[in-house]
Amino acid sequence: MLGFLQRGGPAIWAISALSIVTLALILWKIWRLVMIGAWSGAATERAVQQWSEGDIDGARVTLAPRKSLRARVAKAAMATHLDPEFSEPEAREETGRVAKLELARARSGLRALELIATIAPLLGLLGTVLGMIEAFQALQEAGARADPAALAGGIWEALLTTAAGMAVAIPASAALTWFESVAENVQADMEDAATRIFTRYQHDPSLAQAAE
């Protein structure tokens, strides 16, 4: 491994550091999404269904101990609806504010992965270009005594950085796409839950009376 790093020059050291950062980011992001309940939506769906059926107390009891992203937004929507100090537009605005904060938590760290996926191949290309320059400089100095085998060896060593850069960028890009899809699913579920809560509130007079 040390020999591989020495052949690649400074660029391969930078790419190696990025690979460690990438792995740490991916593991941290998975742990973070688990902790904020990005894959926990059953309880929220059950609570929204209870709300739609008119069981206000049951819906709030179901959500009370939940701390997932979806549950926080659903609780905010229900709480603002039942609070007489909030008009309907104000309730929608407050729910939207909570949803934006929760989505920001779901998307935290994605910019770093996006940056790594962009610059890792560029670092690899830079290392390759620098290596090719050194190889052709050696060829020029050798003149007629140039050894094709030595030139080929210099070129493949230079190409190592391109391969290393792609090896880091590909998993970073794949992880980024996956995390973004998780965030999009969470956002869709939040919007669906909020819409169902607001719709039920608008068309069910008993809920309007409960809010009063």
N, C-alpha and C. Protein backbone atom coordinates (compact mmCIF):
# COMPACT_ATOMS: atom_id res chain seq x y z
N MET A 1 0.82 -1.21 0.00
CA MET A 1 0.00 0.00 0.00
C MET A 1 0.86 1.26 0.00
N LEU A 2 1.92 1.24 0.81
CA LEU A 2 2.80 2.40 0.85
C LEU A 2 3.46 2.64 -0.50
N GLY A 3 3.86 1.52 -1.15
CA GLY A 3 4.46 1.66 -2.47
C GLY A 3 3.49 2.24 -3.47
N PHE A 4 2.23 1.84 -3.37
CA PHE A 4 1.18 2.37 -4.25
C PHE A 4 1.04 3.87 -4.06
N LEU A 5 1.04 4.32 -2.81
CA LEU A 5 0.91 5.74 -2.51
C LEU A 5 2.12 6.52 -3.02
N GLN A 6 3.32 5.94 -2.89
CA GLN A 6 4.53 6.63 -3.33
C GLN A 6 4.56 6.76 -4.84
N ARG A 7 4.06 5.76 -5.56
CA ARG A 7 4.05 5.83 -7.02
C ARG A 7 3.09 6.92 -7.51
N GLY A 8 1.99 7.10 -6.80
CA GLY A 8 0.98 8.05 -7.26
C GLY A 8 1.31 9.49 -6.98
N GLY A 9 2.24 9.76 -6.09
CA GLY A 9 2.62 11.14 -5.80
C GLY A 9 1.62 11.85 -4.89
N PRO A 10 1.71 13.16 -4.83
CA PRO A 10 0.83 13.94 -3.92
C PRO A 10 -0.65 13.74 -4.20
N ALA A 11 -1.02 13.58 -5.46
CA ALA A 11 -2.43 13.44 -5.81
C ALA A 11 -3.04 12.19 -5.18
N ILE A 12 -2.28 11.10 -5.17
CA ILE A 12 -2.83 9.87 -4.61
C ILE A 12 -2.99 9.97 -3.10
N TRP A 13 -2.12 10.75 -2.45
CA TRP A 13 -2.27 10.96 -1.01
C TRP A 13 -3.56 11.74 -0.72
N ALA A 14 -3.80 12.76 -1.55
CA ALA A 14 -5.04 13.54 -1.37
C ALA A 14 -6.27 12.69 -1.61
N ILE A 15 -6.21 11.83 -2.63
CA ILE A 15 -7.35 10.97 -2.93
C ILE A 15 -7.55 9.95 -1.82
N SER A 16 -6.47 9.45 -1.24
CA SER A 16 -6.58 8.51 -0.13
C SER A 16 -7.25 9.16 1.07
N ALA A 17 -6.88 10.42 1.33
CA ALA A 17 -7.53 11.15 2.43
C ALA A 17 -9.02 11.33 2.15
N LEU A 18 -9.36 11.62 0.89
CA LEU A 18 -10.77 11.78 0.52
C LEU A 18 -11.53 10.47 0.69
N SER A 19 -10.86 9.34 0.41
CA SER A 19 -11.54 8.05 0.56
C SER A 19 -11.92 7.80 2.02
N ILE A 20 -11.03 8.18 2.93
CA ILE A 20 -11.32 8.01 4.35
C ILE A 20 -12.48 8.92 4.77
N VAL A 21 -12.43 10.16 4.30
CA VAL A 21 -13.50 11.11 4.62
C VAL A 21 -14.84 10.62 4.05
N THR A 22 -14.80 10.08 2.83
CA THR A 22 -16.02 9.58 2.20
C THR A 22 -16.64 8.45 3.00
N LEU A 23 -15.82 7.49 3.40
CA LEU A 23 -16.32 6.37 4.19
C LEU A 23 -16.91 6.86 5.52
N ALA A 24 -16.22 7.79 6.15
CA ALA A 24 -16.71 8.32 7.42
C ALA A 24 -18.04 9.05 7.23
N LEU A 25 -18.15 9.83 6.16
CA LEU A 25 -19.39 10.56 5.89
C LEU A 25 -20.56 9.62 5.63
N ILE A 26 -20.32 8.57 4.85
CA ILE A 26 -21.39 7.63 4.53
C ILE A 26 -21.88 6.93 5.79
N LEU A 27 -20.94 6.45 6.60
CA LEU A 27 -21.33 5.76 7.84
C LEU A 27 -22.05 6.72 8.79
N TRP A 28 -21.54 7.95 8.90
CA TRP A 28 -22.18 8.94 9.77
C TRP A 28 -23.59 9.26 9.28
N LYS A 29 -23.74 9.39 7.96
CA LYS A 29 -25.04 9.75 7.42
C LYS A 29 -26.06 8.64 7.64
N ILE A 30 -25.64 7.39 7.46
CA ILE A 30 -26.55 6.28 7.71
C ILE A 30 -26.99 6.27 9.17
N TRP A 31 -26.02 6.44 10.07
CA TRP A 31 -26.34 6.49 11.51
C TRP A 31 -27.27 7.66 11.81
N ARG A 32 -27.01 8.80 11.19
CA ARG A 32 -27.83 9.99 11.43
C ARG A 32 -29.26 9.78 10.96
N LEU A 33 -29.43 9.18 9.78
CA LEU A 33 -30.76 8.95 9.25
C LEU A 33 -31.54 7.95 10.12
N VAL A 34 -30.83 6.97 10.65
CA VAL A 34 -31.48 6.02 11.56
C VAL A 34 -31.94 6.74 12.82
N MET A 35 -31.08 7.60 13.35
CA MET A 35 -31.40 8.28 14.61
C MET A 35 -32.58 9.24 14.47
N ILE A 36 -32.72 9.88 13.32
CA ILE A 36 -33.83 10.83 13.13
C ILE A 36 -35.06 10.17 12.53
N GLY A 37 -35.02 8.86 12.38
CA GLY A 37 -36.20 8.13 11.94
C GLY A 37 -36.57 8.31 10.48
N ALA A 38 -35.57 8.36 9.62
CA ALA A 38 -35.86 8.55 8.20
C ALA A 38 -36.61 7.38 7.59
N TRP A 39 -36.48 6.20 8.20
CA TRP A 39 -37.18 5.02 7.70
C TRP A 39 -38.33 4.60 8.63
N SER A 40 -38.71 5.48 9.53
CA SER A 40 -39.79 5.17 10.48
C SER A 40 -41.02 6.00 10.14
N GLY A 41 -41.97 5.38 9.46
CA GLY A 41 -43.16 6.13 9.06
C GLY A 41 -44.48 5.46 9.40
N ALA A 42 -44.41 4.24 9.94
CA ALA A 42 -45.64 3.49 10.20
C ALA A 42 -46.51 4.17 11.26
N ALA A 43 -45.87 4.64 12.33
CA ALA A 43 -46.64 5.26 13.41
C ALA A 43 -47.31 6.55 12.94
N THR A 44 -46.59 7.34 12.14
CA THR A 44 -47.17 8.58 11.63
C THR A 44 -48.34 8.30 10.71
N GLU A 45 -48.20 7.29 9.86
CA GLU A 45 -49.30 6.92 8.96
C GLU A 45 -50.51 6.48 9.77
N ARG A 46 -50.28 5.72 10.82
CA ARG A 46 -51.39 5.27 11.67
C ARG A 46 -52.07 6.45 12.36
N ALA A 47 -51.26 7.41 12.83
CA ALA A 47 -51.83 8.58 13.51
C ALA A 47 -52.63 9.43 12.55
N VAL A 48 -52.14 9.62 11.34
CA VAL A 48 -52.88 10.41 10.35
C VAL A 48 -54.19 9.73 9.99
N GLN A 49 -54.15 8.39 9.92
CA GLN A 49 -55.38 7.65 9.64
C GLN A 49 -56.38 7.84 10.77
N GLN A 50 -55.90 7.80 12.00
CA GLN A 50 -56.79 8.05 13.16
C GLN A 50 -57.37 9.45 13.10
N TRP A 51 -56.54 10.42 12.75
CA TRP A 51 -57.01 11.81 12.63
C TRP A 51 -58.09 11.91 11.55
N SER A 52 -57.87 11.24 10.42
CA SER A 52 -58.84 11.27 9.33
C SER A 52 -60.16 10.66 9.73
N GLU A 53 -60.12 9.70 10.64
CA GLU A 53 -61.34 9.05 11.11
C GLU A 53 -62.00 9.80 12.26
N GLY A 54 -61.39 10.94 12.66
CA GLY A 54 -61.98 11.75 13.71
C GLY A 54 -61.47 11.45 15.11
N ASP A 55 -60.55 10.51 15.24
CA ASP A 55 -60.00 10.16 16.55
C ASP A 55 -58.82 11.08 16.86
N ILE A 56 -59.11 12.30 17.28
CA ILE A 56 -58.07 13.30 17.50
C ILE A 56 -57.16 12.89 18.64
N ASP A 57 -57.77 12.51 19.76
CA ASP A 57 -56.96 12.14 20.93
C ASP A 57 -56.08 10.92 20.62
N GLY A 58 -56.64 9.94 19.93
CA GLY A 58 -55.87 8.75 19.59
C GLY A 58 -54.69 9.08 18.70
N ALA A 59 -54.90 9.99 17.74
CA ALA A 59 -53.82 10.38 16.84
C ALA A 59 -52.69 11.06 17.59
N ARG A 60 -53.06 11.94 18.51
CA ARG A 60 -52.04 12.67 19.26
C ARG A 60 -51.31 11.75 20.24
N VAL A 61 -52.02 10.79 20.82
CA VAL A 61 -51.38 9.83 21.72
C VAL A 61 -50.41 8.95 20.94
N THR A 62 -50.79 8.56 19.74
CA THR A 62 -49.91 7.73 18.91
C THR A 62 -48.61 8.45 18.57
N LEU A 63 -48.73 9.76 18.31
CA LEU A 63 -47.55 10.54 17.92
C LEU A 63 -46.73 11.04 19.10
N ALA A 64 -47.31 11.10 20.27
CA ALA A 64 -46.66 11.73 21.42
C ALA A 64 -45.23 11.24 21.68
N PRO A 65 -44.98 9.93 21.70
CA PRO A 65 -43.61 9.48 22.01
C PRO A 65 -42.69 9.45 20.79
N ARG A 66 -43.23 9.72 19.61
CA ARG A 66 -42.44 9.59 18.39
C ARG A 66 -41.60 10.85 18.13
N LYS A 67 -40.37 10.63 17.66
CA LYS A 67 -39.48 11.75 17.39
C LYS A 67 -38.90 11.72 15.97
N SER A 68 -39.53 10.94 15.10
CA SER A 68 -39.04 10.86 13.72
C SER A 68 -39.38 12.14 12.97
N LEU A 69 -38.78 12.30 11.80
CA LEU A 69 -39.02 13.49 10.97
C LEU A 69 -40.50 13.63 10.63
N ARG A 70 -41.11 12.55 10.18
CA ARG A 70 -42.51 12.60 9.78
C ARG A 70 -43.41 12.91 10.98
N ALA A 71 -43.09 12.29 12.12
CA ALA A 71 -43.91 12.50 13.32
C ALA A 71 -43.85 13.95 13.79
N ARG A 72 -42.69 14.56 13.72
CA ARG A 72 -42.56 15.96 14.16
C ARG A 72 -43.43 16.89 13.31
N VAL A 73 -43.43 16.65 12.01
CA VAL A 73 -44.24 17.50 11.13
C VAL A 73 -45.73 17.25 11.38
N ALA A 74 -46.11 15.98 11.52
CA ALA A 74 -47.52 15.68 11.77
C ALA A 74 -47.98 16.27 13.10
N LYS A 75 -47.13 16.19 14.12
CA LYS A 75 -47.49 16.78 15.42
C LYS A 75 -47.64 18.29 15.31
N ALA A 76 -46.75 18.92 14.54
CA ALA A 76 -46.84 20.37 14.37
C ALA A 76 -48.14 20.75 13.66
N ALA A 77 -48.51 19.97 12.63
CA ALA A 77 -49.74 20.27 11.90
C ALA A 77 -50.96 20.11 12.81
N MET A 78 -51.00 19.05 13.57
CA MET A 78 -52.15 18.82 14.47
C MET A 78 -52.21 19.87 15.57
N ALA A 79 -51.05 20.17 16.15
CA ALA A 79 -51.03 21.13 17.26
C ALA A 79 -51.47 22.52 16.83
N THR A 80 -51.01 22.96 15.67
CA THR A 80 -51.39 24.29 15.20
C THR A 80 -52.86 24.34 14.82
N HIS A 81 -53.40 23.23 14.28
CA HIS A 81 -54.82 23.19 13.94
C HIS A 81 -55.70 23.29 15.18
N LEU A 82 -55.26 22.67 16.24
CA LEU A 82 -56.07 22.66 17.46
C LEU A 82 -55.81 23.86 18.35
N ASP A 83 -54.90 24.71 17.93
CA ASP A 83 -54.58 25.91 18.71
C ASP A 83 -55.40 27.09 18.17
N PRO A 84 -56.31 27.64 18.95
CA PRO A 84 -57.17 28.73 18.44
C PRO A 84 -56.40 29.99 18.09
N GLU A 85 -55.16 30.10 18.54
CA GLU A 85 -54.38 31.30 18.23
C GLU A 85 -53.86 31.29 16.79
N PHE A 86 -53.93 30.13 16.13
CA PHE A 86 -53.45 30.01 14.76
C PHE A 86 -54.62 30.01 13.79
N SER A 87 -54.57 30.90 12.81
CA SER A 87 -55.52 30.80 11.71
C SER A 87 -55.01 29.69 10.78
N GLU A 88 -55.85 29.33 9.80
CA GLU A 88 -55.42 28.24 8.91
C GLU A 88 -54.15 28.60 8.12
N PRO A 89 -54.05 29.80 7.55
CA PRO A 89 -52.79 30.13 6.85
C PRO A 89 -51.58 30.12 7.79
N GLU A 90 -51.77 30.59 9.00
CA GLU A 90 -50.67 30.60 9.97
C GLU A 90 -50.28 29.17 10.35
N ALA A 91 -51.28 28.30 10.48
CA ALA A 91 -51.00 26.90 10.80
C ALA A 91 -50.22 26.25 9.68
N ARG A 92 -50.61 26.52 8.45
CA ARG A 92 -49.88 25.96 7.30
C ARG A 92 -48.44 26.49 7.25
N GLU A 93 -48.29 27.76 7.53
CA GLU A 93 -46.95 28.36 7.49
C GLU A 93 -46.06 27.76 8.58
N GLU A 94 -46.59 27.59 9.76
CA GLU A 94 -45.82 27.01 10.86
C GLU A 94 -45.45 25.55 10.55
N THR A 95 -46.39 24.81 10.00
CA THR A 95 -46.10 23.43 9.63
C THR A 95 -45.02 23.37 8.55
N GLY A 96 -45.10 24.28 7.59
CA GLY A 96 -44.08 24.33 6.55
C GLY A 96 -42.71 24.67 7.11
N ARG A 97 -42.68 25.56 8.11
CA ARG A 97 -41.40 25.91 8.74
C ARG A 97 -40.77 24.71 9.43
N VAL A 98 -41.60 23.96 10.16
CA VAL A 98 -41.09 22.76 10.83
C VAL A 98 -40.61 21.73 9.81
N ALA A 99 -41.36 21.58 8.73
CA ALA A 99 -40.98 20.62 7.69
C ALA A 99 -39.64 20.99 7.06
N LYS A 100 -39.41 22.28 6.82
CA LYS A 100 -38.14 22.71 6.24
C LYS A 100 -36.98 22.41 7.17
N LEU A 101 -37.17 22.63 8.46
CA LEU A 101 -36.11 22.33 9.43
C LEU A 101 -35.80 20.84 9.46
N GLU A 102 -36.83 20.01 9.42
CA GLU A 102 -36.62 18.57 9.47
C GLU A 102 -35.95 18.07 8.18
N LEU A 103 -36.33 18.64 7.05
CA LEU A 103 -35.71 18.25 5.78
C LEU A 103 -34.24 18.68 5.75
N ALA A 104 -33.93 19.82 6.36
CA ALA A 104 -32.54 20.25 6.43
C ALA A 104 -31.71 19.26 7.24
N ARG A 105 -32.30 18.69 8.28
CA ARG A 105 -31.62 17.66 9.07
C ARG A 105 -31.39 16.41 8.22
N ALA A 106 -32.38 16.06 7.40
CA ALA A 106 -32.26 14.87 6.56
C ALA A 106 -31.21 15.04 5.47
N ARG A 107 -31.00 16.29 5.04
CA ARG A 107 -30.07 16.53 3.94
C ARG A 107 -28.68 17.00 4.41
N SER A 108 -28.49 17.08 5.71
CA SER A 108 -27.18 17.53 6.20
C SER A 108 -26.08 16.57 5.78
N GLY A 109 -24.95 17.13 5.37
CA GLY A 109 -23.81 16.32 4.95
C GLY A 109 -23.78 15.97 3.48
N LEU A 110 -24.87 16.20 2.76
CA LEU A 110 -24.91 15.81 1.35
C LEU A 110 -24.03 16.70 0.47
N ARG A 111 -23.88 17.97 0.85
CA ARG A 111 -23.02 18.85 0.06
C ARG A 111 -21.57 18.36 0.08
N ALA A 112 -21.13 17.85 1.24
CA ALA A 112 -19.76 17.34 1.33
C ALA A 112 -19.56 16.15 0.40
N LEU A 113 -20.53 15.23 0.37
CA LEU A 113 -20.43 14.08 -0.54
C LEU A 113 -20.45 14.53 -2.00
N GLU A 114 -21.27 15.51 -2.28
CA GLU A 114 -21.33 16.03 -3.65
C GLU A 114 -19.99 16.63 -4.07
N LEU A 115 -19.36 17.36 -3.14
CA LEU A 115 -18.06 17.95 -3.43
C LEU A 115 -17.01 16.87 -3.67
N ILE A 116 -17.01 15.82 -2.85
CA ILE A 116 -16.04 14.74 -3.02
C ILE A 116 -16.25 14.04 -4.36
N ALA A 117 -17.51 13.78 -4.71
CA ALA A 117 -17.80 13.12 -5.98
C ALA A 117 -17.34 13.96 -7.17
N THR A 118 -17.26 15.27 -6.97
CA THR A 118 -16.83 16.16 -8.06
C THR A 118 -15.32 16.28 -8.15
N ILE A 119 -14.66 16.46 -7.00
CA ILE A 119 -13.22 16.76 -7.05
C ILE A 119 -12.34 15.52 -7.07
N ALA A 120 -12.83 14.36 -6.64
CA ALA A 120 -11.98 13.16 -6.64
C ALA A 120 -11.50 12.80 -8.05
N PRO A 121 -12.39 12.75 -9.07
CA PRO A 121 -11.89 12.46 -10.42
C PRO A 121 -10.95 13.55 -10.94
N LEU A 122 -11.20 14.80 -10.55
CA LEU A 122 -10.34 15.89 -11.00
C LEU A 122 -8.94 15.75 -10.39
N LEU A 123 -8.87 15.37 -9.14
CA LEU A 123 -7.57 15.13 -8.51
C LEU A 123 -6.86 13.97 -9.20
N GLY A 124 -7.62 12.93 -9.54
CA GLY A 124 -7.02 11.81 -10.26
C GLY A 124 -6.48 12.21 -11.61
N LEU A 125 -7.24 13.04 -12.32
CA LEU A 125 -6.79 13.52 -13.63
C LEU A 125 -5.56 14.40 -13.49
N LEU A 126 -5.56 15.24 -12.46
CA LEU A 126 -4.39 16.09 -12.23
C LEU A 126 -3.15 15.25 -11.97
N GLY A 127 -3.29 14.22 -11.14
CA GLY A 127 -2.15 13.34 -10.88
C GLY A 127 -1.66 12.65 -12.13
N THR A 128 -2.60 12.24 -12.98
CA THR A 128 -2.22 11.59 -14.24
C THR A 128 -1.47 12.54 -15.16
N VAL A 129 -1.96 13.77 -15.27
CA VAL A 129 -1.30 14.76 -16.13
C VAL A 129 0.12 15.04 -15.63
N LEU A 130 0.26 15.22 -14.31
CA LEU A 130 1.59 15.46 -13.75
C LEU A 130 2.51 14.27 -13.98
N GLY A 131 1.97 13.07 -13.82
CA GLY A 131 2.78 11.88 -14.06
C GLY A 131 3.20 11.74 -15.51
N MET A 132 2.30 12.06 -16.43
CA MET A 132 2.64 12.01 -17.86
C MET A 132 3.70 13.03 -18.20
N ILE A 133 3.62 14.21 -17.60
CA ILE A 133 4.65 15.23 -17.84
C ILE A 133 6.02 14.71 -17.40
N GLU A 134 6.07 14.09 -16.22
CA GLU A 134 7.35 13.54 -15.74
C GLU A 134 7.85 12.44 -16.66
N ALA A 135 6.93 11.58 -17.13
CA ALA A 135 7.33 10.48 -18.01
C ALA A 135 7.92 11.00 -19.32
N PHE A 136 7.30 11.99 -19.91
CA PHE A 136 7.79 12.52 -21.18
C PHE A 136 9.05 13.36 -20.99
N GLN A 137 9.19 13.98 -19.84
CA GLN A 137 10.45 14.66 -19.54
C GLN A 137 11.60 13.66 -19.47
N ALA A 138 11.34 12.53 -18.82
CA ALA A 138 12.36 11.48 -18.76
C ALA A 138 12.67 10.94 -20.14
N LEU A 139 11.64 10.82 -20.97
CA LEU A 139 11.85 10.35 -22.34
C LEU A 139 12.71 11.33 -23.13
N GLN A 140 12.46 12.62 -22.96
CA GLN A 140 13.23 13.64 -23.66
C GLN A 140 14.69 13.61 -23.23
N GLU A 141 14.93 13.46 -21.93
CA GLU A 141 16.30 13.44 -21.43
C GLU A 141 17.06 12.20 -21.90
N ALA A 142 16.32 11.09 -22.03
CA ALA A 142 16.99 9.87 -22.47
C ALA A 142 17.33 9.91 -23.94
N GLY A 143 16.58 10.65 -24.72
CA GLY A 143 16.85 10.78 -26.16
C GLY A 143 16.77 9.44 -26.87
N ALA A 144 17.79 9.14 -27.67
CA ALA A 144 17.80 7.90 -28.46
C ALA A 144 17.95 6.67 -27.58
N ARG A 145 18.41 6.85 -26.35
CA ARG A 145 18.61 5.72 -25.44
C ARG A 145 17.35 5.41 -24.63
N ALA A 146 16.22 5.98 -25.03
CA ALA A 146 14.99 5.80 -24.26
C ALA A 146 14.56 4.34 -24.25
N ASP A 147 14.13 3.88 -23.10
CA ASP A 147 13.65 2.51 -22.93
C ASP A 147 12.12 2.51 -22.92
N PRO A 148 11.50 1.91 -23.94
CA PRO A 148 10.03 1.89 -23.99
C PRO A 148 9.40 1.28 -22.74
N ALA A 149 10.08 0.29 -22.16
CA ALA A 149 9.54 -0.34 -20.96
C ALA A 149 9.50 0.65 -19.80
N ALA A 150 10.53 1.47 -19.68
CA ALA A 150 10.55 2.47 -18.61
C ALA A 150 9.46 3.52 -18.83
N LEU A 151 9.24 3.89 -20.11
CA LEU A 151 8.19 4.86 -20.42
C LEU A 151 6.82 4.29 -20.09
N ALA A 152 6.59 3.03 -20.46
CA ALA A 152 5.31 2.40 -20.17
C ALA A 152 5.08 2.31 -18.66
N GLY A 153 6.15 2.02 -17.92
CA GLY A 153 6.03 1.96 -16.47
C GLY A 153 5.64 3.31 -15.89
N GLY A 154 6.22 4.38 -16.40
CA GLY A 154 5.87 5.71 -15.92
C GLY A 154 4.45 6.08 -16.24
N ILE A 155 3.96 5.65 -17.41
CA ILE A 155 2.60 5.98 -17.79
C ILE A 155 1.57 5.24 -16.93
N TRP A 156 1.78 3.95 -16.69
CA TRP A 156 0.78 3.23 -15.88
C TRP A 156 0.77 3.71 -14.44
N GLU A 157 1.93 4.13 -13.95
CA GLU A 157 1.96 4.69 -12.61
C GLU A 157 1.17 6.00 -12.56
N ALA A 158 1.29 6.79 -13.65
CA ALA A 158 0.54 8.04 -13.71
C ALA A 158 -0.97 7.79 -13.76
N LEU A 159 -1.36 6.72 -14.46
CA LEU A 159 -2.79 6.42 -14.59
C LEU A 159 -3.41 5.89 -13.30
N LEU A 160 -2.58 5.51 -12.35
CA LEU A 160 -3.10 5.04 -11.07
C LEU A 160 -3.99 6.08 -10.40
N THR A 161 -3.60 7.32 -10.51
CA THR A 161 -4.36 8.36 -9.82
C THR A 161 -5.76 8.53 -10.42
N THR A 162 -5.87 8.36 -11.75
CA THR A 162 -7.19 8.45 -12.37
C THR A 162 -8.10 7.34 -11.86
N ALA A 163 -7.56 6.12 -11.82
CA ALA A 163 -8.34 4.99 -11.32
C ALA A 163 -8.72 5.20 -9.85
N ALA A 164 -7.79 5.72 -9.05
CA ALA A 164 -8.07 5.95 -7.63
C ALA A 164 -9.15 7.02 -7.46
N GLY A 165 -9.06 8.09 -8.25
CA GLY A 165 -10.07 9.14 -8.17
C GLY A 165 -11.45 8.64 -8.50
N MET A 166 -11.55 7.79 -9.54
CA MET A 166 -12.84 7.23 -9.91
C MET A 166 -13.34 6.25 -8.85
N ALA A 167 -12.42 5.52 -8.23
CA ALA A 167 -12.80 4.56 -7.19
C ALA A 167 -13.40 5.26 -5.97
N VAL A 168 -13.00 6.50 -5.73
CA VAL A 168 -13.58 7.28 -4.63
C VAL A 168 -14.87 7.97 -5.07
N ALA A 169 -14.88 8.50 -6.29
CA ALA A 169 -16.03 9.27 -6.76
C ALA A 169 -17.28 8.41 -6.97
N ILE A 170 -17.10 7.19 -7.45
CA ILE A 170 -18.25 6.34 -7.76
C ILE A 170 -19.07 6.00 -6.51
N PRO A 171 -18.47 5.47 -5.44
CA PRO A 171 -19.29 5.22 -4.24
C PRO A 171 -19.83 6.49 -3.61
N ALA A 172 -19.08 7.59 -3.69
CA ALA A 172 -19.58 8.85 -3.13
C ALA A 172 -20.81 9.31 -3.90
N SER A 173 -20.77 9.19 -5.22
CA SER A 173 -21.92 9.59 -6.04
C SER A 173 -23.12 8.66 -5.80
N ALA A 174 -22.85 7.36 -5.68
CA ALA A 174 -23.94 6.41 -5.43
C ALA A 174 -24.59 6.67 -4.08
N ALA A 175 -23.77 6.91 -3.06
CA ALA A 175 -24.31 7.20 -1.73
C ALA A 175 -25.11 8.50 -1.73
N LEU A 176 -24.60 9.50 -2.44
CA LEU A 176 -25.30 10.78 -2.53
C LEU A 176 -26.68 10.60 -3.15
N THR A 177 -26.75 9.83 -4.24
CA THR A 177 -28.04 9.59 -4.90
C THR A 177 -29.00 8.86 -3.97
N TRP A 178 -28.49 7.89 -3.24
CA TRP A 178 -29.33 7.14 -2.31
C TRP A 178 -29.86 8.03 -1.19
N PHE A 179 -28.97 8.83 -0.59
CA PHE A 179 -29.39 9.71 0.51
C PHE A 179 -30.40 10.75 0.02
N GLU A 180 -30.20 11.24 -1.20
CA GLU A 180 -31.15 12.21 -1.75
C GLU A 180 -32.52 11.56 -1.97
N SER A 181 -32.52 10.31 -2.41
CA SER A 181 -33.80 9.62 -2.61
C SER A 181 -34.52 9.40 -1.27
N VAL A 182 -33.75 9.12 -0.22
CA VAL A 182 -34.35 8.98 1.11
C VAL A 182 -34.98 10.29 1.55
N ALA A 183 -34.26 11.40 1.34
CA ALA A 183 -34.79 12.72 1.72
C ALA A 183 -36.03 13.06 0.91
N GLU A 184 -36.05 12.70 -0.37
CA GLU A 184 -37.22 12.98 -1.20
C GLU A 184 -38.43 12.16 -0.74
N ASN A 185 -38.19 10.92 -0.34
CA ASN A 185 -39.29 10.10 0.17
C ASN A 185 -39.85 10.67 1.46
N VAL A 186 -38.96 11.14 2.32
CA VAL A 186 -39.39 11.76 3.57
C VAL A 186 -40.22 13.01 3.28
N GLN A 187 -39.75 13.82 2.34
CA GLN A 187 -40.47 15.04 1.99
C GLN A 187 -41.86 14.72 1.44
N ALA A 188 -41.94 13.71 0.58
CA ALA A 188 -43.25 13.33 0.02
C ALA A 188 -44.19 12.86 1.12
N ASP A 189 -43.67 12.08 2.07
CA ASP A 189 -44.52 11.61 3.17
C ASP A 189 -44.97 12.76 4.06
N MET A 190 -44.08 13.73 4.30
CA MET A 190 -44.45 14.90 5.10
C MET A 190 -45.56 15.68 4.42
N GLU A 191 -45.42 15.92 3.13
CA GLU A 191 -46.42 16.68 2.40
C GLU A 191 -47.76 15.95 2.39
N ASP A 192 -47.70 14.63 2.22
CA ASP A 192 -48.93 13.84 2.19
C ASP A 192 -49.63 13.90 3.55
N ALA A 193 -48.87 13.72 4.63
CA ALA A 193 -49.46 13.75 5.97
C ALA A 193 -50.07 15.12 6.27
N ALA A 194 -49.32 16.18 5.97
CA ALA A 194 -49.83 17.53 6.25
C ALA A 194 -51.08 17.83 5.44
N THR A 195 -51.09 17.42 4.18
CA THR A 195 -52.26 17.66 3.33
C THR A 195 -53.48 16.94 3.87
N ARG A 196 -53.32 15.70 4.30
CA ARG A 196 -54.45 14.93 4.83
C ARG A 196 -54.96 15.53 6.15
N ILE A 197 -54.03 16.02 6.95
CA ILE A 197 -54.43 16.63 8.22
C ILE A 197 -55.21 17.92 7.97
N PHE A 198 -54.71 18.76 7.07
CA PHE A 198 -55.38 20.01 6.77
C PHE A 198 -56.74 19.78 6.09
N THR A 199 -56.79 18.80 5.20
CA THR A 199 -58.04 18.53 4.49
C THR A 199 -59.11 18.06 5.45
N ARG A 200 -58.75 17.17 6.35
CA ARG A 200 -59.71 16.68 7.33
C ARG A 200 -60.18 17.81 8.23
N TYR A 201 -59.27 18.69 8.57
CA TYR A 201 -59.61 19.82 9.44
C TYR A 201 -60.59 20.76 8.76
N GLN A 202 -60.39 20.95 7.47
CA GLN A 202 -61.24 21.90 6.74
C GLN A 202 -62.68 21.39 6.60
N HIS A 203 -62.81 20.07 6.37
CA HIS A 203 -64.12 19.55 5.97
C HIS A 203 -64.88 18.85 7.10
N ASP A 204 -64.25 18.73 8.26
CA ASP A 204 -64.93 18.08 9.38
C ASP A 204 -65.26 19.13 10.44
N PRO A 205 -66.54 19.50 10.59
CA PRO A 205 -66.91 20.53 11.57
C PRO A 205 -66.55 20.15 13.00
N SER A 206 -66.54 18.86 13.31
CA SER A 206 -66.23 18.45 14.69
C SER A 206 -64.82 18.82 15.06
N LEU A 207 -63.89 18.77 14.09
CA LEU A 207 -62.51 19.16 14.38
C LEU A 207 -62.42 20.67 14.57
N ALA A 208 -63.16 21.40 13.80
CA ALA A 208 -63.15 22.85 13.95
C ALA A 208 -63.68 23.23 15.32
N GLN A 209 -64.72 22.51 15.79
CA GLN A 209 -65.26 22.79 17.11
C GLN A 209 -64.26 22.41 18.20
N ALA A 210 -63.54 21.31 17.97
CA ALA A 210 -62.55 20.88 18.95
C ALA A 210 -61.44 21.91 19.08
N ALA A 211 -61.09 22.54 17.96
CA ALA A 211 -60.04 23.55 17.99
C ALA A 211 -60.49 24.78 18.77
N GLU A 212 -61.80 25.02 18.76
CA GLU A 212 -62.33 26.17 19.50
C GLU A 212 -62.47 25.87 20.99
